[in-house]
Protein backbone atom coordinates (compact mmCIF):
# COMPACT_ATOMS: atom_id res chain seq x y z
CA MET A 1 0.00 0.00 0.00
CA ASN A 2 3.01 2.31 0.21
CA ASN A 3 2.97 3.04 -3.52
CA LEU A 4 -0.69 4.10 -3.68
CA ASN A 5 -1.67 7.59 -4.82
CA TRP A 6 -3.81 8.92 -1.96
CA ARG A 7 -6.14 11.89 -2.49
CA LYS A 8 -8.54 13.73 -0.23
CA THR A 9 -12.15 13.27 -1.27
CA SER A 10 -13.90 16.27 -2.78
CA ARG A 11 -16.65 16.15 -0.14
CA SER A 12 -14.12 16.65 2.66
CA GLY A 13 -13.84 20.37 1.89
CA SER A 14 -10.86 22.57 2.58
CA GLY A 15 -9.62 22.86 6.13
CA ALA A 16 -12.17 20.39 7.44
CA ASN A 17 -11.23 18.13 10.34
CA ASN A 18 -13.34 15.22 9.08
CA CYS A 19 -11.39 14.35 5.94
CA VAL A 20 -11.28 11.02 4.19
CA GLU A 21 -8.61 9.93 1.72
CA LEU A 22 -9.01 7.42 -1.10
CA ALA A 23 -6.56 5.42 -3.16
CA ILE A 24 -7.69 3.35 -6.12
CA GLY A 25 -5.58 0.25 -6.57
CA GLU A 26 -5.71 -2.51 -9.17
CA SER A 27 -7.72 -4.88 -7.00
CA ALA A 28 -9.28 -2.61 -4.36
CA THR A 29 -10.22 0.87 -3.23
CA TYR A 30 -8.57 1.96 0.01
CA ILE A 31 -10.11 4.44 2.45
CA ARG A 32 -8.49 6.06 5.49
CA ASP A 33 -8.94 8.92 7.92
CA THR A 34 -6.69 11.86 7.08
CA LYS A 35 -6.14 12.69 10.76
CA ASP A 36 -5.02 9.14 11.61
CA ARG A 37 -3.35 7.69 8.53
CA ASP A 38 -1.73 4.89 10.54
CA GLY A 39 -4.95 4.08 12.42
CA GLY A 40 -6.25 1.62 9.85
CA THR A 41 -7.35 1.39 6.26
CA LEU A 42 -10.60 0.08 4.87
CA CYS A 43 -10.11 -2.09 1.80
CA VAL A 44 -13.09 -2.58 -0.56
CA ASN A 45 -13.21 -4.75 -3.67
CA PRO A 46 -14.13 -3.03 -6.97
CA ARG A 47 -17.62 -4.55 -7.20
CA SER A 48 -18.58 -3.45 -3.68
CA TRP A 49 -17.12 0.01 -4.25
CA ALA A 50 -19.11 0.42 -7.47
CA GLY A 51 -22.26 -0.67 -5.64
CA PHE A 52 -21.60 1.83 -2.86
CA LEU A 53 -21.07 4.68 -5.34
CA GLY A 54 -24.22 3.68 -7.20
CA GLY A 55 -26.16 3.80 -3.92
CA LEU A 56 -24.80 7.26 -3.16
CA LYS A 57 -25.76 8.57 -6.58
CA ALA A 58 -29.24 7.03 -6.26
CA GLY A 59 -29.77 8.71 -2.87
CA ARG A 60 -30.14 5.44 -0.94
CA PHE A 61 -28.07 6.79 1.94
CA ASP A 62 -29.73 10.20 2.20
CA ARG A 63 -31.20 11.08 5.55
């Protein structure tokens, strides 16, 4: 995971304390907390990540 290209998500905003970073790898998408980069990384397979993004776009997680 050391050679991944991490980027802050666009929804994190500038200067926000609740930032999330993503890295898209060949076999997974990796997600971590910007404030605690060594605290753990969520690893999601491409099919699950695509399903999650589809759910977001469809509004299934809206409050």
